[in-house]
Amino acid sequence: MLIRARRGPRRRRPDKARADKGYDSAELRAWLRRRGVTPRIARRGVESSERLGRHRWKIERTIAWIFGYRRLTVRYERSANLFAAFLTLAATLTCWKKLAT
């Protein structure tokens, strides 16, 4: 019998993972494929980053929203659990603000 650790629906994995050339490695691509995720990573020396640009702005915009919270810009927390909690709180507040407008 499998006992679940938390309540609620299971998290779904993304179909694709998009990244720039900084994440181009065979190990990362293999790891994503083993987990059932299609890697969309620009290859060094082969592809331009502009093909990924139409998706990348979503990521850059989201990071800018989250780092608008001063406590996350400079990491004051030594504990990873506290930092993750503040990151979750920032993401929740950001989503709430966007949905409220």
PDB file of N, CA and C in Angstrom:
ATOM      1  N   MET A   1       0.849  -1.177   0.000  1.00  0.00           N
ATOM      2  CA  MET A   1       0.000   0.000   0.000  1.00  0.00           C
ATOM      3  C   MET A   1       0.897   1.244   0.000  1.00  0.00           C
ATOM      4  N   LEU A   2       0.564   2.187  -0.853  1.00  0.00           N
ATOM      5  CA  LEU A   2       1.329   3.425  -0.974  1.00  0.00           C
ATOM      6  C   LEU A   2       0.690   4.500  -0.112  1.00  0.00           C
ATOM      7  N   ILE A   3       1.473   5.096   0.781  1.00  0.00           N
ATOM      8  CA  ILE A   3       0.979   6.165   1.643  1.00  0.00           C
ATOM      9  C   ILE A   3       1.491   7.486   1.096  1.00  0.00           C
ATOM     10  N   ARG A   4       0.547   8.389   0.845  1.00  0.00           N
ATOM     11  CA  ARG A   4       0.925   9.691   0.303  1.00  0.00           C
ATOM     12  C   ARG A   4       1.357  10.619   1.421  1.00  0.00           C
ATOM     13  N   ALA A   5       2.327  11.452   1.130  1.00  0.00           N
ATOM     14  CA  ALA A   5       2.907  12.325   2.144  1.00  0.00           C
ATOM     15  C   ALA A   5       2.101  13.594   2.365  1.00  0.00           C
ATOM     16  N   ARG A   6       1.349  14.041   1.362  1.00  0.00           N
ATOM     17  CA  ARG A   6       0.597  15.282   1.528  1.00  0.00           C
ATOM     18  C   ARG A   6      -0.770  15.164   0.885  1.00  0.00           C
ATOM     19  N   ARG A   7      -1.630  16.075   1.255  1.00  0.00           N
ATOM     20  CA  ARG A   7      -2.996  16.063   0.745  1.00  0.00           C
ATOM     21  C   ARG A   7      -3.080  16.757  -0.602  1.00  0.00           C
ATOM     22  N   GLY A   8      -4.212  16.596  -1.233  1.00  0.00           N
ATOM     23  CA  GLY A   8      -4.465  17.291  -2.477  1.00  0.00           C
ATOM     24  C   GLY A   8      -4.073  16.471  -3.693  1.00  0.00           C
ATOM     25  N   PRO A   9      -4.369  17.015  -4.857  1.00  0.00           N
ATOM     26  CA  PRO A   9      -4.042  16.278  -6.080  1.00  0.00           C
ATOM     27  C   PRO A   9      -2.533  16.198  -6.290  1.00  0.00           C
ATOM     28  N   ARG A  10      -2.120  15.188  -7.009  1.00  0.00           N
ATOM     29  CA  ARG A  10      -0.699  15.033  -7.286  1.00  0.00           C
ATOM     30  C   ARG A  10      -0.232  16.116  -8.244  1.00  0.00           C
ATOM     31  N   ARG A  11       1.017  16.514  -8.082  1.00  0.00           N
ATOM     32  CA  ARG A  11       1.584  17.494  -9.006  1.00  0.00           C
ATOM     33  C   ARG A  11       1.773  16.842 -10.357  1.00  0.00           C
ATOM     34  N   ARG A  12       1.490  17.597 -11.405  1.00  0.00           N
ATOM     35  CA  ARG A  12       1.714  17.101 -12.755  1.00  0.00           C
ATOM     36  C   ARG A  12       3.053  17.578 -13.251  1.00  0.00           C
ATOM     37  N   ARG A  13       3.707  16.735 -13.997  1.00  0.00           N
ATOM     38  CA  ARG A  13       4.984  17.130 -14.584  1.00  0.00           C
ATOM     39  C   ARG A  13       4.722  17.917 -15.851  1.00  0.00           C
ATOM     40  N   PRO A  14       5.599  18.851 -16.152  1.00  0.00           N
ATOM     41  CA  PRO A  14       5.435  19.588 -17.403  1.00  0.00           C
ATOM     42  C   PRO A  14       5.759  18.689 -18.594  1.00  0.00           C
ATOM     43  N   ASP A  15       5.174  19.001 -19.730  1.00  0.00           N
ATOM     44  CA  ASP A  15       5.470  18.243 -20.952  1.00  0.00           C
ATOM     45  C   ASP A  15       6.841  18.609 -21.497  1.00  0.00           C
ATOM     46  N   LYS A  16       7.192  19.895 -21.392  1.00  0.00           N
ATOM     47  CA  LYS A  16       8.451  20.390 -21.950  1.00  0.00           C
ATOM     48  C   LYS A  16       9.162  21.261 -20.920  1.00  0.00           C
ATOM     49  N   ALA A  17      10.491  21.285 -21.015  1.00  0.00           N
ATOM     50  CA  ALA A  17      11.298  22.181 -20.191  1.00  0.00           C
ATOM     51  C   ALA A  17      12.122  23.041 -21.144  1.00  0.00           C
ATOM     52  N   ARG A  18      11.946  24.350 -21.068  1.00  0.00           N
ATOM     53  CA  ARG A  18      12.674  25.272 -21.946  1.00  0.00           C
ATOM     54  C   ARG A  18      13.795  25.928 -21.158  1.00  0.00           C
ATOM     55  N   ALA A  19      14.961  26.014 -21.790  1.00  0.00           N
ATOM     56  CA  ALA A  19      16.110  26.621 -21.117  1.00  0.00           C
ATOM     57  C   ALA A  19      17.067  27.190 -22.153  1.00  0.00           C
ATOM     58  N   ASP A  20      17.964  28.050 -21.699  1.00  0.00           N
ATOM     59  CA  ASP A  20      18.944  28.632 -22.606  1.00  0.00           C
ATOM     60  C   ASP A  20      20.209  27.777 -22.629  1.00  0.00           C
ATOM     61  N   LYS A  21      21.226  28.276 -23.298  1.00  0.00           N
ATOM     62  CA  LYS A  21      22.452  27.503 -23.528  1.00  0.00           C
ATOM     63  C   LYS A  21      23.211  27.172 -22.258  1.00  0.00           C
ATOM     64  N   GLY A  22      22.974  27.900 -21.204  1.00  0.00           N
ATOM     65  CA  GLY A  22      23.662  27.643 -19.949  1.00  0.00           C
ATOM     66  C   GLY A  22      23.313  26.286 -19.340  1.00  0.00           C
ATOM     67  N   TYR A  23      22.192  25.715 -19.743  1.00  0.00           N
ATOM     68  CA  TYR A  23      21.758  24.430 -19.214  1.00  0.00           C
ATOM     69  C   TYR A  23      21.996  23.287 -20.193  1.00  0.00           C
ATOM     70  N   ASP A  24      22.774  23.523 -21.231  1.00  0.00           N
ATOM     71  CA  ASP A  24      23.022  22.506 -22.244  1.00  0.00           C
ATOM     72  C   ASP A  24      24.042  21.491 -21.746  1.00  0.00           C
ATOM     73  N   SER A  25      23.565  20.305 -21.397  1.00  0.00           N
ATOM     74  CA  SER A  25      24.457  19.203 -21.026  1.00  0.00           C
ATOM     75  C   SER A  25      23.727  17.897 -21.301  1.00  0.00           C
ATOM     76  N   ALA A  26      24.474  16.896 -21.672  1.00  0.00           N
ATOM     77  CA  ALA A  26      23.892  15.593 -21.975  1.00  0.00           C
ATOM     78  C   ALA A  26      23.252  14.982 -20.731  1.00  0.00           C
ATOM     79  N   GLU A  27      23.861  15.197 -19.565  1.00  0.00           N
ATOM     80  CA  GLU A  27      23.312  14.638 -18.332  1.00  0.00           C
ATOM     81  C   GLU A  27      21.942  15.219 -18.017  1.00  0.00           C
ATOM     82  N   LEU A  28      21.791  16.530 -18.180  1.00  0.00           N
ATOM     83  CA  LEU A  28      20.514  17.166 -17.906  1.00  0.00           C
ATOM     84  C   LEU A  28      19.448  16.701 -18.892  1.00  0.00           C
ATOM     85  N   ARG A  29      19.796  16.612 -20.167  1.00  0.00           N
ATOM     86  CA  ARG A  29      18.833  16.125 -21.166  1.00  0.00           C
ATOM     87  C   ARG A  29      18.397  14.692 -20.852  1.00  0.00           C
ATOM     88  N   ALA A  30      19.352  13.839 -20.487  1.00  0.00           N
ATOM     89  CA  ALA A  30      19.017  12.450 -20.159  1.00  0.00           C
ATOM     90  C   ALA A  30      18.134  12.375 -18.917  1.00  0.00           C
ATOM     91  N   TRP A  31      18.445  13.198 -17.914  1.00  0.00           N
ATOM     92  CA  TRP A  31      17.643  13.213 -16.688  1.00  0.00           C
ATOM     93  C   TRP A  31      16.203  13.624 -16.982  1.00  0.00           C
ATOM     94  N   LEU A  32      16.017  14.662 -17.812  1.00  0.00           N
ATOM     95  CA  LEU A  32      14.670  15.103 -18.175  1.00  0.00           C
ATOM     96  C   LEU A  32      13.924  14.008 -18.926  1.00  0.00           C
ATOM     97  N   ARG A  33      14.595  13.367 -19.857  1.00  0.00           N
ATOM     98  CA  ARG A  33      13.942  12.304 -20.627  1.00  0.00           C
ATOM     99  C   ARG A  33      13.535  11.133 -19.736  1.00  0.00           C
ATOM    100  N   ARG A  34      14.383  10.781 -18.770  1.00  0.00           N
ATOM    101  CA  ARG A  34      14.031   9.697 -17.844  1.00  0.00           C
ATOM    102  C   ARG A  34      12.779  10.034 -17.039  1.00  0.00           C
ATOM    103  N   ARG A  35      12.589  11.306 -16.784  1.00  0.00           N
ATOM    104  CA  ARG A  35      11.414  11.742 -16.026  1.00  0.00           C
ATOM    105  C   ARG A  35      10.213  12.019 -16.917  1.00  0.00           C
ATOM    106  N   GLY A  36      10.348  11.807 -18.230  1.00  0.00           N
ATOM    107  CA  GLY A  36       9.224  11.981 -19.145  1.00  0.00           C
ATOM    108  C   GLY A  36       8.979  13.412 -19.585  1.00  0.00           C
ATOM    109  N   VAL A  37      10.011  14.252 -19.515  1.00  0.00           N
ATOM    110  CA  VAL A  37       9.902  15.657 -19.905  1.00  0.00           C
ATOM    111  C   VAL A  37      10.735  15.868 -21.163  1.00  0.00           C
ATOM    112  N   THR A  38      10.145  16.524 -22.160  1.00  0.00           N
ATOM    113  CA  THR A  38      10.859  16.814 -23.393  1.00  0.00           C
ATOM    114  C   THR A  38      11.741  18.046 -23.203  1.00  0.00           C
ATOM    115  N   PRO A  39      13.062  17.913 -23.347  1.00  0.00           N
ATOM    116  CA  PRO A  39      13.934  19.088 -23.179  1.00  0.00           C
ATOM    117  C   PRO A  39      13.906  19.987 -24.410  1.00  0.00           C
ATOM    118  N   ARG A  40      13.733  21.271 -24.194  1.00  0.00           N
ATOM    119  CA  ARG A  40      13.824  22.292 -25.243  1.00  0.00           C
ATOM    120  C   ARG A  40      14.948  23.236 -24.826  1.00  0.00           C
ATOM    121  N   ILE A  41      16.175  22.760 -24.989  1.00  0.00           N
ATOM    122  CA  ILE A  41      17.348  23.497 -24.528  1.00  0.00           C
ATOM    123  C   ILE A  41      18.188  23.883 -25.745  1.00  0.00           C
ATOM    124  N   ALA A  42      18.514  25.160 -25.852  1.00  0.00           N
ATOM    125  CA  ALA A  42      19.358  25.617 -26.955  1.00  0.00           C
ATOM    126  C   ALA A  42      20.728  24.961 -26.841  1.00  0.00           C
ATOM    127  N   ARG A  43      21.259  24.511 -27.958  1.00  0.00           N
ATOM    128  CA  ARG A  43      22.568  23.855 -27.949  1.00  0.00           C
ATOM    129  C   ARG A  43      23.664  24.881 -28.196  1.00  0.00           C
ATOM    130  N   ARG A  44      24.775  24.721 -27.507  1.00  0.00           N
ATOM    131  CA  ARG A  44      25.895  25.644 -27.656  1.00  0.00           C
ATOM    132  C   ARG A  44      26.498  25.514 -29.041  1.00  0.00           C
ATOM    133  N   GLY A  45      26.700  26.637 -29.698  1.00  0.00           N
ATOM    134  CA  GLY A  45      27.360  26.656 -30.991  1.00  0.00           C
ATOM    135  C   GLY A  45      26.498  26.214 -32.151  1.00  0.00           C
ATOM    136  N   VAL A  46      25.257  25.807 -31.893  1.00  0.00           N
ATOM    137  CA  VAL A  46      24.405  25.320 -32.978  1.00  0.00           C
ATOM    138  C   VAL A  46      23.176  26.198 -33.150  1.00  0.00           C
ATOM    139  N   GLU A  47      22.430  26.394 -32.069  1.00  0.00           N
ATOM    140  CA  GLU A  47      21.179  27.136 -32.152  1.00  0.00           C
ATOM    141  C   GLU A  47      21.322  28.515 -31.526  1.00  0.00           C
ATOM    142  N   SER A  48      20.553  29.441 -32.057  1.00  0.00           N
ATOM    143  CA  SER A  48      20.536  30.770 -31.446  1.00  0.00           C
ATOM    144  C   SER A  48      19.511  30.779 -30.323  1.00  0.00           C
ATOM    145  N   SER A  49      19.709  31.617 -29.355  1.00  0.00           N
ATOM    146  CA  SER A  49      18.784  31.710 -28.222  1.00  0.00           C
ATOM    147  C   SER A  49      17.484  32.397 -28.608  1.00  0.00           C
ATOM    148  N   GLU A  50      17.420  32.981 -29.786  1.00  0.00           N
ATOM    149  CA  GLU A  50      16.234  33.726 -30.170  1.00  0.00           C
ATOM    150  C   GLU A  50      15.041  32.824 -30.416  1.00  0.00           C
ATOM    151  N   ARG A  51      15.265  31.574 -30.770  1.00  0.00           N
ATOM    152  CA  ARG A  51      14.128  30.668 -30.948  1.00  0.00           C
ATOM    153  C   ARG A  51      13.419  30.419 -29.633  1.00  0.00           C
ATOM    154  N   LEU A  52      14.175  30.437 -28.547  1.00  0.00           N
ATOM    155  CA  LEU A  52      13.582  30.250 -27.229  1.00  0.00           C
ATOM    156  C   LEU A  52      13.083  31.561 -26.644  1.00  0.00           C
ATOM    157  N   GLY A  53      13.393  32.676 -27.273  1.00  0.00           N
ATOM    158  CA  GLY A  53      13.052  33.994 -26.741  1.00  0.00           C
ATOM    159  C   GLY A  53      11.581  34.226 -26.557  1.00  0.00           C
ATOM    160  N   ARG A  54      10.753  33.653 -27.425  1.00  0.00           N
ATOM    161  CA  ARG A  54       9.314  33.896 -27.290  1.00  0.00           C
ATOM    162  C   ARG A  54       8.745  33.229 -26.046  1.00  0.00           C
ATOM    163  N   HIS A  55       9.426  32.221 -25.501  1.00  0.00           N
ATOM    164  CA  HIS A  55       8.990  31.580 -24.267  1.00  0.00           C
ATOM    165  C   HIS A  55       9.757  32.117 -23.065  1.00  0.00           C
ATOM    166  N   ARG A  56      10.974  32.559 -23.305  1.00  0.00           N
ATOM    167  CA  ARG A  56      11.840  32.971 -22.204  1.00  0.00           C
ATOM    168  C   ARG A  56      11.330  34.211 -21.486  1.00  0.00           C
ATOM    169  N   TRP A  57      10.641  35.110 -22.192  1.00  0.00           N
ATOM    170  CA  TRP A  57      10.184  36.335 -21.552  1.00  0.00           C
ATOM    171  C   TRP A  57       9.214  36.030 -20.425  1.00  0.00           C
ATOM    172  N   LYS A  58       8.469  34.941 -20.516  1.00  0.00           N
ATOM    173  CA  LYS A  58       7.545  34.564 -19.440  1.00  0.00           C
ATOM    174  C   LYS A  58       8.327  34.239 -18.174  1.00  0.00           C
ATOM    175  N   ILE A  59       9.422  33.542 -18.338  1.00  0.00           N
ATOM    176  CA  ILE A  59      10.246  33.169 -17.194  1.00  0.00           C
ATOM    177  C   ILE A  59      10.916  34.396 -16.598  1.00  0.00           C
ATOM    178  N   GLU A  60      11.491  35.237 -17.463  1.00  0.00           N
ATOM    179  CA  GLU A  60      12.169  36.452 -16.988  1.00  0.00           C
ATOM    180  C   GLU A  60      11.203  37.383 -16.268  1.00  0.00           C
ATOM    181  N   ARG A  61       9.987  37.516 -16.797  1.00  0.00           N
ATOM    182  CA  ARG A  61       8.980  38.377 -16.181  1.00  0.00           C
ATOM    183  C   ARG A  61       8.593  37.843 -14.803  1.00  0.00           C
ATOM    184  N   THR A  62       8.397  36.537 -14.704  1.00  0.00           N
ATOM    185  CA  THR A  62       8.011  35.931 -13.438  1.00  0.00           C
ATOM    186  C   THR A  62       9.108  36.095 -12.388  1.00  0.00           C
ATOM    187  N   ILE A  63      10.356  35.908 -12.786  1.00  0.00           N
ATOM    188  CA  ILE A  63      11.468  36.095 -11.857  1.00  0.00           C
ATOM    189  C   ILE A  63      11.527  37.550 -11.389  1.00  0.00           C
ATOM    190  N   ALA A  64      11.275  38.483 -12.298  1.00  0.00           N
ATOM    191  CA  ALA A  64      11.274  39.901 -11.919  1.00  0.00           C
ATOM    192  C   ALA A  64      10.167  40.187 -10.910  1.00  0.00           C
ATOM    193  N   TRP A  65       8.991  39.590 -11.091  1.00  0.00           N
ATOM    194  CA  TRP A  65       7.902  39.788 -10.130  1.00  0.00           C
ATOM    195  C   TRP A  65       8.284  39.244  -8.761  1.00  0.00           C
ATOM    196  N   ILE A  66       8.858  38.043  -8.739  1.00  0.00           N
ATOM    197  CA  ILE A  66       9.188  37.411  -7.461  1.00  0.00           C
ATOM    198  C   ILE A  66      10.303  38.172  -6.744  1.00  0.00           C
ATOM    199  N   PHE A  67      11.322  38.619  -7.484  1.00  0.00           N
ATOM    200  CA  PHE A  67      12.414  39.340  -6.842  1.00  0.00           C
ATOM    201  C   PHE A  67      12.074  40.792  -6.560  1.00  0.00           C
ATOM    202  N   GLY A  68      10.823  41.175  -6.800  1.00  0.00           N
ATOM    203  CA  GLY A  68      10.355  42.479  -6.372  1.00  0.00           C
ATOM    204  C   GLY A  68      10.181  42.536  -4.852  1.00  0.00           C
ATOM    205  N   TYR A  69      10.197  41.370  -4.223  1.00  0.00           N
ATOM    206  CA  TYR A  69      10.110  41.285  -2.777  1.00  0.00           C
ATOM    207  C   TYR A  69      11.525  41.335  -2.212  1.00  0.00           C
ATOM    208  N   ARG A  70      11.783  42.346  -1.390  1.00  0.00           N
ATOM    209  CA  ARG A  70      13.145  42.613  -0.933  1.00  0.00           C
ATOM    210  C   ARG A  70      13.755  41.446  -0.166  1.00  0.00           C
ATOM    211  N   ARG A  71      12.935  40.741   0.568  1.00  0.00           N
ATOM    212  CA  ARG A  71      13.461  39.641   1.376  1.00  0.00           C
ATOM    213  C   ARG A  71      14.024  38.520   0.506  1.00  0.00           C
ATOM    214  N   LEU A  72      13.570  38.415  -0.714  1.00  0.00           N
ATOM    215  CA  LEU A  72      14.075  37.384  -1.619  1.00  0.00           C
ATOM    216  C   LEU A  72      15.235  37.882  -2.468  1.00  0.00           C
ATOM    217  N   THR A  73      15.329  39.194  -2.666  1.00  0.00           N
ATOM    218  CA  THR A  73      16.419  39.740  -3.464  1.00  0.00           C
ATOM    219  C   THR A  73      17.759  39.494  -2.782  1.00  0.00           C
ATOM    220  N   VAL A  74      17.822  39.813  -1.506  1.00  0.00           N
ATOM    221  CA  VAL A  74      19.001  39.514  -0.702  1.00  0.00           C
ATOM    222  C   VAL A  74      18.585  38.389   0.230  1.00  0.00           C
ATOM    223  N   ARG A  75      19.251  37.277   0.166  1.00  0.00           N
ATOM    224  CA  ARG A  75      18.839  36.115   0.953  1.00  0.00           C
ATOM    225  C   ARG A  75      19.288  36.279   2.402  1.00  0.00           C
ATOM    226  N   TYR A  76      18.327  36.679   3.244  1.00  0.00           N
ATOM    227  CA  TYR A  76      18.604  36.859   4.661  1.00  0.00           C
ATOM    228  C   TYR A  76      18.492  35.539   5.422  1.00  0.00           C
ATOM    229  N   GLU A  77      17.717  34.625   4.902  1.00  0.00           N
ATOM    230  CA  GLU A  77      17.449  33.366   5.598  1.00  0.00           C
ATOM    231  C   GLU A  77      18.596  32.384   5.392  1.00  0.00           C
ATOM    232  N   ARG A  78      19.067  31.788   6.460  1.00  0.00           N
ATOM    233  CA  ARG A  78      20.097  30.762   6.337  1.00  0.00           C
ATOM    234  C   ARG A  78      19.471  29.398   6.087  1.00  0.00           C
ATOM    235  N   SER A  79      18.283  29.221   6.570  1.00  0.00           N
ATOM    236  CA  SER A  79      17.599  27.941   6.423  1.00  0.00           C
ATOM    237  C   SER A  79      16.929  27.861   5.046  1.00  0.00           C
ATOM    238  N   ALA A  80      17.146  26.769   4.345  1.00  0.00           N
ATOM    239  CA  ALA A  80      16.533  26.583   3.031  1.00  0.00           C
ATOM    240  C   ALA A  80      15.015  26.474   3.145  1.00  0.00           C
ATOM    241  N   ASN A  81      14.534  25.903   4.257  1.00  0.00           N
ATOM    242  CA  ASN A  81      13.086  25.782   4.441  1.00  0.00           C
ATOM    243  C   ASN A  81      12.414  27.141   4.563  1.00  0.00           C
ATOM    244  N   LEU A  82      13.029  28.055   5.295  1.00  0.00           N
ATOM    245  CA  LEU A  82      12.462  29.397   5.424  1.00  0.00           C
ATOM    246  C   LEU A  82      12.503  30.149   4.094  1.00  0.00           C
ATOM    247  N   PHE A  83      13.606  30.006   3.365  1.00  0.00           N
ATOM    248  CA  PHE A  83      13.698  30.663   2.068  1.00  0.00           C
ATOM    249  C   PHE A  83      12.630  30.121   1.125  1.00  0.00           C
ATOM    250  N   ALA A  84      12.438  28.805   1.127  1.00  0.00           N
ATOM    251  CA  ALA A  84      11.407  28.202   0.283  1.00  0.00           C
ATOM    252  C   ALA A  84      10.013  28.680   0.691  1.00  0.00           C
ATOM    253  N   ALA A  85       9.790  28.858   1.989  1.00  0.00           N
ATOM    254  CA  ALA A  85       8.496  29.361   2.463  1.00  0.00           C
ATOM    255  C   ALA A  85       8.248  30.787   1.975  1.00  0.00           C
ATOM    256  N   PHE A  86       9.260  31.642   2.075  1.00  0.00           N
ATOM    257  CA  PHE A  86       9.096  33.011   1.582  1.00  0.00           C
ATOM    258  C   PHE A  86       8.943  33.049   0.062  1.00  0.00           C
ATOM    259  N   LEU A  87       9.624  32.167  -0.633  1.00  0.00           N
ATOM    260  CA  LEU A  87       9.476  32.082  -2.082  1.00  0.00           C
ATOM    261  C   LEU A  87       8.061  31.662  -2.454  1.00  0.00           C
ATOM    262  N   THR A  88       7.514  30.690  -1.737  1.00  0.00           N
ATOM    263  CA  THR A  88       6.138  30.252  -1.966  1.00  0.00           C
ATOM    264  C   THR A  88       5.159  31.377  -1.661  1.00  0.00           C
ATOM    265  N   LEU A  89       5.398  32.101  -0.574  1.00  0.00           N
ATOM    266  CA  LEU A  89       4.542  33.233  -0.227  1.00  0.00           C
ATOM    267  C   LEU A  89       4.591  34.308  -1.305  1.00  0.00           C
ATOM    268  N   ALA A  90       5.772  34.608  -1.815  1.00  0.00           N
ATOM    269  CA  ALA A  90       5.906  35.608  -2.878  1.00  0.00           C
ATOM    270  C   ALA A  90       5.172  35.165  -4.144  1.00  0.00           C
ATOM    271  N   ALA A  91       5.297  33.891  -4.502  1.00  0.00           N
ATOM    272  CA  ALA A  91       4.600  33.384  -5.689  1.00  0.00           C
ATOM    273  C   ALA A  91       3.091  33.442  -5.492  1.00  0.00           C
ATOM    274  N   THR A  92       2.633  33.118  -4.292  1.00  0.00           N
ATOM    275  CA  THR A  92       1.197  33.176  -3.995  1.00  0.00           C
ATOM    276  C   THR A  92       0.680  34.599  -4.078  1.00  0.00           C
ATOM    277  N   LEU A  93       1.404  35.538  -3.480  1.00  0.00           N
ATOM    278  CA  LEU A  93       0.980  36.945  -3.538  1.00  0.00           C
ATOM    279  C   LEU A  93       0.995  37.479  -4.963  1.00  0.00           C
ATOM    280  N   THR A  94       1.991  37.088  -5.738  1.00  0.00           N
ATOM    281  CA  THR A  94       2.072  37.529  -7.130  1.00  0.00           C
ATOM    282  C   THR A  94       0.888  37.014  -7.930  1.00  0.00           C
ATOM    283  N   CYS A  95       0.569  35.742  -7.767  1.00  0.00           N
ATOM    284  CA  CYS A  95      -0.590  35.179  -8.469  1.00  0.00           C
ATOM    285  C   CYS A  95      -1.877  35.842  -8.027  1.00  0.00           C
ATOM    286  N   TRP A  96      -2.010  36.087  -6.726  1.00  0.00           N
ATOM    287  CA  TRP A  96      -3.218  36.714  -6.217  1.00  0.00           C
ATOM    288  C   TRP A  96      -3.379  38.129  -6.779  1.00  0.00           C
ATOM    289  N   LYS A  97      -2.289  38.881  -6.836  1.00  0.00           N
ATOM    290  CA  LYS A  97      -2.342  40.239  -7.387  1.00  0.00           C
ATOM    291  C   LYS A  97      -2.747  40.215  -8.852  1.00  0.00           C
ATOM    292  N   LYS A  98      -2.184  39.265  -9.624  1.00  0.00           N
ATOM    293  CA  LYS A  98      -2.494  39.206 -11.053  1.00  0.00           C
ATOM    294  C   LYS A  98      -3.942  38.763 -11.293  1.00  0.00           C
ATOM    295  N   LEU A  99      -4.446  37.882 -10.449  1.00  0.00           N
ATOM    296  CA  LEU A  99      -5.827  37.429 -10.599  1.00  0.00           C
ATOM    297  C   LEU A  99      -6.822  38.479 -10.119  1.00  0.00           C
ATOM    298  N   ALA A 100      -6.428  39.300  -9.146  1.00  0.00           N
ATOM    299  CA  ALA A 100      -7.326  40.309  -8.590  1.00  0.00           C
ATOM    300  C   ALA A 100      -7.527  41.500  -9.546  1.00  0.00           C
ATOM    301  N   THR A 101      -6.573  41.720 -10.450  1.00  0.00           N
ATOM    302  CA  THR A 101      -6.699  42.870 -11.365  1.00  0.00           C
ATOM    303  C   THR A 101      -7.472  42.516 -12.593  1.00  0.00           C
TER     304      THR A 101
END
